[in-house]
Amino acid sequence: MKLPLQIVAGRIQISASISSAKYRMFGRISFYVDTDSNETFISQSDAFRLHVPVNSLPFLRHAKIGGSTYELKRIKEIELRFKTEEEKLETITLPEFSVMVGTKKNNEGLQEANSIPSLIGTDFLIINNLALYFNPSKNIAYLERQE
């Protein structure tokens, strides 16, 4: 199974449908695939757009991104659906997922937090046994499940 990725301005992206019956959430998110990050999370702006009740989510831990501190909050029972190379849907069910929320509540802090994109980090690739193939010179990138 291969999940095609897009290369946009040199960055690797993948779109997914995300849903959670527990939080009455459904929508699409574009994730950046970031091999320099071991954290996978839904961004604050995507969480607000999807009406995730971030204030009622349990605190997981603090994370530093670009010199600023953010809170990672835990959301449970998430399904991500990706289109495969064959145009079929591949569903990945996760018992929990993180939501990144800014800690600064002023306008500058909110703007900064809203500029952070949703990320798929190496933790997601390892947990789901996915390998990343990336050849920017040929504009080819995909994730492939390892058996």
N, C-alpha and C. Protein backbone atom coordinates (compact mmCIF):
# COMPACT_ATOMS: atom_id res chain seq x y z
N MET A 1 0.84 -1.17 0.00
CA MET A 1 0.00 0.00 0.00
C MET A 1 0.89 1.24 0.00
N LYS A 2 0.65 2.13 -0.97
CA LYS A 2 1.39 3.38 -1.07
C LYS A 2 0.42 4.55 -0.90
N LEU A 3 0.86 5.53 -0.10
CA LEU A 3 0.11 6.76 0.08
C LEU A 3 0.88 7.87 -0.61
N PRO A 4 0.36 8.38 -1.74
CA PRO A 4 1.07 9.43 -2.45
C PRO A 4 1.14 10.72 -1.63
N LEU A 5 2.27 11.40 -1.73
CA LEU A 5 2.50 12.67 -1.07
C LEU A 5 2.66 13.76 -2.12
N GLN A 6 2.38 14.99 -1.74
CA GLN A 6 2.62 16.11 -2.63
C GLN A 6 3.88 16.83 -2.14
N ILE A 7 4.63 17.37 -3.10
CA ILE A 7 5.77 18.21 -2.77
C ILE A 7 5.39 19.62 -3.17
N VAL A 8 5.24 20.49 -2.16
CA VAL A 8 4.81 21.86 -2.38
C VAL A 8 5.88 22.79 -1.80
N ALA A 9 6.48 23.57 -2.67
CA ALA A 9 7.55 24.50 -2.27
C ALA A 9 8.62 23.77 -1.45
N GLY A 10 8.97 22.56 -1.88
CA GLY A 10 10.01 21.79 -1.22
C GLY A 10 9.59 21.09 0.05
N ARG A 11 8.35 21.22 0.44
CA ARG A 11 7.85 20.57 1.65
C ARG A 11 6.94 19.42 1.27
N ILE A 12 6.98 18.36 2.08
CA ILE A 12 6.20 17.16 1.81
C ILE A 12 4.86 17.28 2.54
N GLN A 13 3.76 17.10 1.79
CA GLN A 13 2.42 17.21 2.36
C GLN A 13 1.59 15.99 2.04
N ILE A 14 0.63 15.73 2.93
CA ILE A 14 -0.38 14.70 2.68
C ILE A 14 -1.70 15.19 3.26
N SER A 15 -2.78 14.97 2.54
CA SER A 15 -4.11 15.34 3.02
C SER A 15 -4.81 14.10 3.55
N ALA A 16 -5.60 14.32 4.58
CA ALA A 16 -6.34 13.21 5.18
C ALA A 16 -7.69 13.70 5.65
N SER A 17 -8.65 12.80 5.62
CA SER A 17 -9.91 13.05 6.31
C SER A 17 -9.68 12.61 7.74
N ILE A 18 -10.15 13.39 8.67
CA ILE A 18 -9.97 13.07 10.08
C ILE A 18 -11.34 13.07 10.73
N SER A 19 -11.57 12.08 11.59
CA SER A 19 -12.86 12.02 12.26
C SER A 19 -12.72 11.44 13.66
N SER A 20 -13.66 11.81 14.49
CA SER A 20 -13.77 11.28 15.83
C SER A 20 -15.23 11.37 16.25
N ALA A 21 -15.86 10.23 16.47
CA ALA A 21 -17.25 10.22 16.93
C ALA A 21 -17.33 10.82 18.33
N LYS A 22 -16.33 10.56 19.15
CA LYS A 22 -16.31 11.04 20.53
C LYS A 22 -16.40 12.57 20.59
N TYR A 23 -15.72 13.25 19.67
CA TYR A 23 -15.69 14.72 19.67
C TYR A 23 -16.56 15.33 18.58
N ARG A 24 -17.34 14.49 17.89
CA ARG A 24 -18.21 14.94 16.79
C ARG A 24 -17.43 15.79 15.80
N MET A 25 -16.30 15.25 15.39
CA MET A 25 -15.39 15.97 14.52
C MET A 25 -15.24 15.23 13.20
N PHE A 26 -15.28 15.99 12.11
CA PHE A 26 -15.01 15.44 10.79
C PHE A 26 -14.53 16.57 9.90
N GLY A 27 -13.50 16.30 9.13
CA GLY A 27 -12.99 17.31 8.19
C GLY A 27 -11.74 16.82 7.51
N ARG A 28 -11.13 17.73 6.74
CA ARG A 28 -9.89 17.42 6.05
C ARG A 28 -8.77 18.27 6.63
N ILE A 29 -7.61 17.66 6.69
CA ILE A 29 -6.42 18.35 7.16
C ILE A 29 -5.28 18.05 6.20
N SER A 30 -4.50 19.08 5.91
CA SER A 30 -3.23 18.89 5.19
C SER A 30 -2.13 18.86 6.24
N PHE A 31 -1.40 17.76 6.28
CA PHE A 31 -0.29 17.61 7.20
C PHE A 31 1.02 17.80 6.44
N TYR A 32 1.99 18.42 7.07
CA TYR A 32 3.36 18.37 6.58
C TYR A 32 3.98 17.12 7.17
N VAL A 33 4.74 16.39 6.36
CA VAL A 33 5.51 15.26 6.86
C VAL A 33 6.87 15.82 7.23
N ASP A 34 7.20 15.74 8.52
CA ASP A 34 8.40 16.37 9.05
C ASP A 34 9.28 15.34 9.73
N THR A 35 10.32 14.90 9.03
CA THR A 35 11.21 13.88 9.60
C THR A 35 12.13 14.45 10.67
N ASP A 36 12.12 15.76 10.85
CA ASP A 36 12.91 16.38 11.90
C ASP A 36 12.10 16.49 13.20
N SER A 37 10.86 16.05 13.17
CA SER A 37 9.99 16.11 14.34
C SER A 37 9.60 14.70 14.77
N ASN A 38 9.67 14.44 16.05
CA ASN A 38 9.16 13.16 16.55
C ASN A 38 7.77 13.34 17.14
N GLU A 39 7.16 14.49 16.90
CA GLU A 39 5.80 14.78 17.38
C GLU A 39 4.84 14.85 16.20
N THR A 40 3.73 14.17 16.31
CA THR A 40 2.64 14.28 15.34
C THR A 40 1.49 14.99 16.05
N PHE A 41 0.94 16.02 15.40
CA PHE A 41 -0.14 16.75 16.06
C PHE A 41 -1.02 17.48 15.05
N ILE A 42 -2.22 17.80 15.52
CA ILE A 42 -3.14 18.67 14.81
C ILE A 42 -2.82 20.08 15.29
N SER A 43 -2.69 21.01 14.36
CA SER A 43 -2.38 22.39 14.73
C SER A 43 -3.56 23.06 15.43
N GLN A 44 -3.25 24.15 16.11
CA GLN A 44 -4.29 24.92 16.79
C GLN A 44 -5.31 25.43 15.78
N SER A 45 -4.86 25.95 14.63
CA SER A 45 -5.81 26.50 13.65
C SER A 45 -6.71 25.40 13.08
N ASP A 46 -6.16 24.21 12.80
CA ASP A 46 -6.99 23.10 12.32
C ASP A 46 -7.96 22.64 13.41
N ALA A 47 -7.49 22.59 14.65
CA ALA A 47 -8.37 22.17 15.76
C ALA A 47 -9.54 23.13 15.91
N PHE A 48 -9.29 24.43 15.84
CA PHE A 48 -10.38 25.40 15.94
C PHE A 48 -11.33 25.29 14.76
N ARG A 49 -10.77 25.11 13.56
CA ARG A 49 -11.61 24.98 12.35
C ARG A 49 -12.53 23.76 12.43
N LEU A 50 -12.04 22.69 13.05
CA LEU A 50 -12.82 21.45 13.18
C LEU A 50 -13.66 21.42 14.46
N HIS A 51 -13.66 22.51 15.21
CA HIS A 51 -14.44 22.64 16.44
C HIS A 51 -14.04 21.62 17.50
N VAL A 52 -12.74 21.34 17.59
CA VAL A 52 -12.24 20.46 18.66
C VAL A 52 -12.29 21.24 19.96
N PRO A 53 -12.87 20.69 21.00
CA PRO A 53 -12.97 21.41 22.28
C PRO A 53 -11.63 21.43 23.02
N VAL A 54 -10.67 22.22 22.51
CA VAL A 54 -9.30 22.20 23.03
C VAL A 54 -9.22 22.55 24.52
N ASN A 55 -10.09 23.41 25.01
CA ASN A 55 -10.03 23.81 26.42
C ASN A 55 -10.40 22.67 27.37
N SER A 56 -11.15 21.70 26.88
CA SER A 56 -11.56 20.59 27.75
C SER A 56 -10.69 19.34 27.55
N LEU A 57 -9.70 19.42 26.66
CA LEU A 57 -8.83 18.26 26.44
C LEU A 57 -7.79 18.16 27.56
N PRO A 58 -7.43 16.95 27.96
CA PRO A 58 -6.41 16.80 29.00
C PRO A 58 -5.02 17.18 28.49
N PHE A 59 -4.26 17.83 29.36
CA PHE A 59 -2.88 18.23 29.08
C PHE A 59 -2.01 16.99 29.00
N LEU A 60 -1.15 16.94 27.98
CA LEU A 60 -0.23 15.82 27.80
C LEU A 60 1.17 16.22 28.24
N ARG A 61 1.73 17.27 27.61
CA ARG A 61 3.06 17.77 27.97
C ARG A 61 3.33 19.06 27.21
N HIS A 62 4.40 19.72 27.57
CA HIS A 62 4.85 20.90 26.84
C HIS A 62 5.78 20.47 25.71
N ALA A 63 5.80 21.27 24.65
CA ALA A 63 6.69 21.03 23.51
C ALA A 63 7.26 22.38 23.07
N LYS A 64 8.50 22.36 22.61
CA LYS A 64 9.14 23.58 22.09
C LYS A 64 9.19 23.50 20.58
N ILE A 65 8.73 24.57 19.94
CA ILE A 65 8.78 24.68 18.49
C ILE A 65 9.28 26.08 18.17
N GLY A 66 10.40 26.15 17.47
CA GLY A 66 10.94 27.45 17.08
C GLY A 66 11.21 28.38 18.23
N GLY A 67 11.59 27.84 19.38
CA GLY A 67 11.92 28.67 20.53
C GLY A 67 10.73 29.03 21.40
N SER A 68 9.52 28.71 20.99
CA SER A 68 8.32 28.99 21.80
C SER A 68 7.82 27.70 22.43
N THR A 69 7.12 27.85 23.53
CA THR A 69 6.56 26.69 24.23
C THR A 69 5.08 26.57 23.91
N TYR A 70 4.67 25.35 23.63
CA TYR A 70 3.28 25.03 23.32
C TYR A 70 2.83 23.90 24.22
N GLU A 71 1.53 23.76 24.35
CA GLU A 71 0.96 22.62 25.06
C GLU A 71 0.49 21.58 24.06
N LEU A 72 0.81 20.34 24.34
CA LEU A 72 0.22 19.24 23.59
C LEU A 72 -0.90 18.70 24.44
N LYS A 73 -2.07 18.62 23.87
CA LYS A 73 -3.23 18.08 24.56
C LYS A 73 -3.63 16.78 23.89
N ARG A 74 -4.26 15.91 24.65
CA ARG A 74 -4.60 14.57 24.17
C ARG A 74 -6.04 14.53 23.69
N ILE A 75 -6.19 13.99 22.47
CA ILE A 75 -7.51 13.71 21.93
C ILE A 75 -7.54 12.20 21.68
N LYS A 76 -8.66 11.57 21.95
CA LYS A 76 -8.74 10.11 21.84
C LYS A 76 -9.62 9.69 20.68
N GLU A 77 -9.36 8.45 20.24
CA GLU A 77 -10.19 7.78 19.24
C GLU A 77 -10.33 8.58 17.95
N ILE A 78 -9.24 8.64 17.22
CA ILE A 78 -9.17 9.38 15.95
C ILE A 78 -9.04 8.40 14.80
N GLU A 79 -9.70 8.71 13.69
CA GLU A 79 -9.52 7.96 12.45
C GLU A 79 -9.00 8.91 11.39
N LEU A 80 -7.93 8.50 10.73
CA LEU A 80 -7.39 9.23 9.58
C LEU A 80 -7.61 8.37 8.35
N ARG A 81 -8.11 8.99 7.28
CA ARG A 81 -8.33 8.28 6.02
C ARG A 81 -7.51 8.96 4.93
N PHE A 82 -6.68 8.14 4.29
CA PHE A 82 -5.81 8.61 3.23
C PHE A 82 -6.17 7.91 1.93
N LYS A 83 -6.01 8.60 0.80
CA LYS A 83 -6.19 7.96 -0.51
C LYS A 83 -4.90 7.27 -0.89
N THR A 84 -5.03 6.01 -1.31
CA THR A 84 -3.86 5.26 -1.76
C THR A 84 -3.57 5.58 -3.22
N GLU A 85 -2.47 5.04 -3.68
CA GLU A 85 -2.08 5.19 -5.08
C GLU A 85 -3.16 4.66 -6.01
N GLU A 86 -3.90 3.63 -5.55
CA GLU A 86 -4.97 3.02 -6.35
C GLU A 86 -6.32 3.71 -6.16
N GLU A 87 -6.32 4.88 -5.50
CA GLU A 87 -7.54 5.66 -5.23
C GLU A 87 -8.49 4.97 -4.26
N LYS A 88 -7.98 4.06 -3.44
CA LYS A 88 -8.78 3.44 -2.39
C LYS A 88 -8.51 4.20 -1.10
N LEU A 89 -9.39 4.02 -0.11
CA LEU A 89 -9.19 4.68 1.19
C LEU A 89 -8.47 3.74 2.14
N GLU A 90 -7.44 4.25 2.77
CA GLU A 90 -6.70 3.53 3.81
C GLU A 90 -7.03 4.22 5.13
N THR A 91 -7.61 3.49 6.06
CA THR A 91 -7.98 4.05 7.36
C THR A 91 -6.96 3.65 8.41
N ILE A 92 -6.48 4.63 9.14
CA ILE A 92 -5.59 4.39 10.27
C ILE A 92 -6.32 4.87 11.51
N THR A 93 -6.59 3.96 12.42
CA THR A 93 -7.28 4.27 13.66
C THR A 93 -6.24 4.39 14.78
N LEU A 94 -6.33 5.49 15.49
CA LEU A 94 -5.38 5.74 16.57
C LEU A 94 -6.12 5.91 17.89
N PRO A 95 -5.65 5.25 18.95
CA PRO A 95 -6.31 5.40 20.24
C PRO A 95 -6.18 6.81 20.82
N GLU A 96 -5.09 7.51 20.45
CA GLU A 96 -4.95 8.91 20.87
C GLU A 96 -4.08 9.66 19.89
N PHE A 97 -4.22 10.98 19.94
CA PHE A 97 -3.54 11.87 19.02
C PHE A 97 -3.30 13.16 19.79
N SER A 98 -2.37 13.98 19.35
CA SER A 98 -2.09 15.24 20.04
C SER A 98 -2.66 16.43 19.28
N VAL A 99 -3.03 17.45 20.04
CA VAL A 99 -3.44 18.74 19.51
C VAL A 99 -2.47 19.76 20.10
N MET A 100 -1.86 20.59 19.25
CA MET A 100 -0.92 21.59 19.70
C MET A 100 -1.66 22.91 19.93
N VAL A 101 -1.47 23.49 21.12
CA VAL A 101 -2.14 24.73 21.50
C VAL A 101 -1.10 25.71 22.03
N GLY A 102 -1.20 26.95 21.61
CA GLY A 102 -0.28 27.97 22.10
C GLY A 102 -0.53 28.29 23.56
N THR A 103 0.54 28.69 24.24
CA THR A 103 0.42 29.04 25.66
C THR A 103 0.27 30.54 25.86
N LYS A 104 0.68 31.34 24.88
CA LYS A 104 0.55 32.80 24.97
C LYS A 104 -0.84 33.18 24.47
N LYS A 105 -1.59 33.90 25.29
CA LYS A 105 -2.97 34.22 24.94
C LYS A 105 -3.14 35.61 24.34
N ASN A 106 -2.03 36.36 24.12
CA ASN A 106 -2.15 37.67 23.49
C ASN A 106 -2.24 37.50 21.97
N ASN A 107 -2.48 38.60 21.25
CA ASN A 107 -2.64 38.52 19.79
C ASN A 107 -1.42 37.95 19.09
N GLU A 108 -0.22 38.38 19.53
CA GLU A 108 1.02 37.88 18.92
C GLU A 108 1.16 36.38 19.13
N GLY A 109 0.86 35.92 20.34
CA GLY A 109 0.94 34.50 20.64
C GLY A 109 -0.06 33.67 19.85
N LEU A 110 -1.27 34.19 19.70
CA LEU A 110 -2.29 33.49 18.91
C LEU A 110 -1.89 33.42 17.43
N GLN A 111 -1.35 34.52 16.90
CA GLN A 111 -0.91 34.52 15.51
C GLN A 111 0.23 33.52 15.30
N GLU A 112 1.16 33.50 16.24
CA GLU A 112 2.28 32.57 16.16
C GLU A 112 1.80 31.13 16.19
N ALA A 113 0.91 30.81 17.13
CA ALA A 113 0.39 29.44 17.25
C ALA A 113 -0.41 29.04 16.02
N ASN A 114 -1.17 29.99 15.47
CA ASN A 114 -1.97 29.69 14.28
C ASN A 114 -1.13 29.53 13.02
N SER A 115 0.13 29.94 13.06
CA SER A 115 1.00 29.79 11.89
C SER A 115 1.69 28.43 11.84
N ILE A 116 1.61 27.65 12.92
CA ILE A 116 2.22 26.32 12.98
C ILE A 116 1.28 25.34 12.26
N PRO A 117 1.78 24.58 11.28
CA PRO A 117 0.91 23.63 10.57
C PRO A 117 0.75 22.32 11.33
N SER A 118 -0.24 21.54 10.94
CA SER A 118 -0.39 20.18 11.45
C SER A 118 0.77 19.35 10.91
N LEU A 119 1.33 18.49 11.75
CA LEU A 119 2.51 17.72 11.36
C LEU A 119 2.32 16.23 11.55
N ILE A 120 2.92 15.48 10.65
CA ILE A 120 3.14 14.05 10.84
C ILE A 120 4.63 13.89 11.05
N GLY A 121 4.98 13.40 12.22
CA GLY A 121 6.38 13.22 12.58
C GLY A 121 6.80 11.77 12.47
N THR A 122 8.04 11.53 12.86
CA THR A 122 8.58 10.18 12.77
C THR A 122 7.86 9.20 13.70
N ASP A 123 7.29 9.70 14.80
CA ASP A 123 6.54 8.81 15.70
C ASP A 123 5.39 8.13 14.97
N PHE A 124 4.67 8.89 14.13
CA PHE A 124 3.55 8.35 13.36
C PHE A 124 4.03 7.30 12.36
N LEU A 125 5.16 7.59 11.70
CA LEU A 125 5.70 6.64 10.72
C LEU A 125 6.11 5.34 11.39
N ILE A 126 6.75 5.43 12.54
CA ILE A 126 7.20 4.23 13.26
C ILE A 126 6.01 3.42 13.76
N ILE A 127 5.06 4.07 14.43
CA ILE A 127 3.90 3.37 15.00
C ILE A 127 3.10 2.65 13.92
N ASN A 128 2.99 3.26 12.74
CA ASN A 128 2.17 2.69 11.67
C ASN A 128 2.99 1.93 10.63
N ASN A 129 4.27 1.69 10.95
CA ASN A 129 5.15 0.89 10.10
C ASN A 129 5.19 1.43 8.67
N LEU A 130 5.39 2.75 8.54
CA LEU A 130 5.42 3.40 7.24
C LEU A 130 6.84 3.86 6.91
N ALA A 131 7.25 3.64 5.68
CA ALA A 131 8.53 4.13 5.19
C ALA A 131 8.26 5.33 4.27
N LEU A 132 9.15 6.31 4.33
CA LEU A 132 9.04 7.49 3.49
C LEU A 132 10.00 7.38 2.32
N TYR A 133 9.47 7.55 1.10
CA TYR A 133 10.29 7.65 -0.10
C TYR A 133 10.17 9.08 -0.59
N PHE A 134 11.32 9.75 -0.80
CA PHE A 134 11.32 11.16 -1.19
C PHE A 134 12.43 11.40 -2.20
N ASN A 135 12.04 11.73 -3.44
CA ASN A 135 12.99 12.05 -4.48
C ASN A 135 12.58 13.39 -5.09
N PRO A 136 13.07 14.49 -4.50
CA PRO A 136 12.63 15.81 -4.99
C PRO A 136 13.06 16.12 -6.41
N SER A 137 14.14 15.54 -6.88
CA SER A 137 14.59 15.83 -8.25
C SER A 137 13.61 15.27 -9.29
N LYS A 138 12.85 14.25 -8.91
CA LYS A 138 11.84 13.67 -9.82
C LYS A 138 10.42 14.00 -9.37
N ASN A 139 10.30 14.82 -8.32
CA ASN A 139 9.00 15.22 -7.77
C ASN A 139 8.16 14.00 -7.38
N ILE A 140 8.81 13.03 -6.73
CA ILE A 140 8.13 11.80 -6.30
C ILE A 140 8.28 11.68 -4.78
N ALA A 141 7.17 11.44 -4.12
CA ALA A 141 7.20 11.19 -2.68
C ALA A 141 5.98 10.33 -2.33
N TYR A 142 6.20 9.36 -1.45
CA TYR A 142 5.09 8.54 -0.98
C TYR A 142 5.46 7.87 0.34
N LEU A 143 4.44 7.43 1.04
CA LEU A 143 4.59 6.58 2.22
C LEU A 143 4.20 5.18 1.82
N GLU A 144 4.94 4.19 2.32
CA GLU A 144 4.62 2.81 1.99
C GLU A 144 4.66 1.98 3.26
N ARG A 145 3.60 1.18 3.44
CA ARG A 145 3.53 0.28 4.61
C ARG A 145 4.55 -0.82 4.44
N GLN A 146 5.32 -1.05 5.49
CA GLN A 146 6.33 -2.11 5.51
C GLN A 146 5.72 -3.36 6.12
N GLU A 147 5.88 -4.47 5.48
CA GLU A 147 5.32 -5.73 5.97
C GLU A 147 6.31 -6.48 6.80
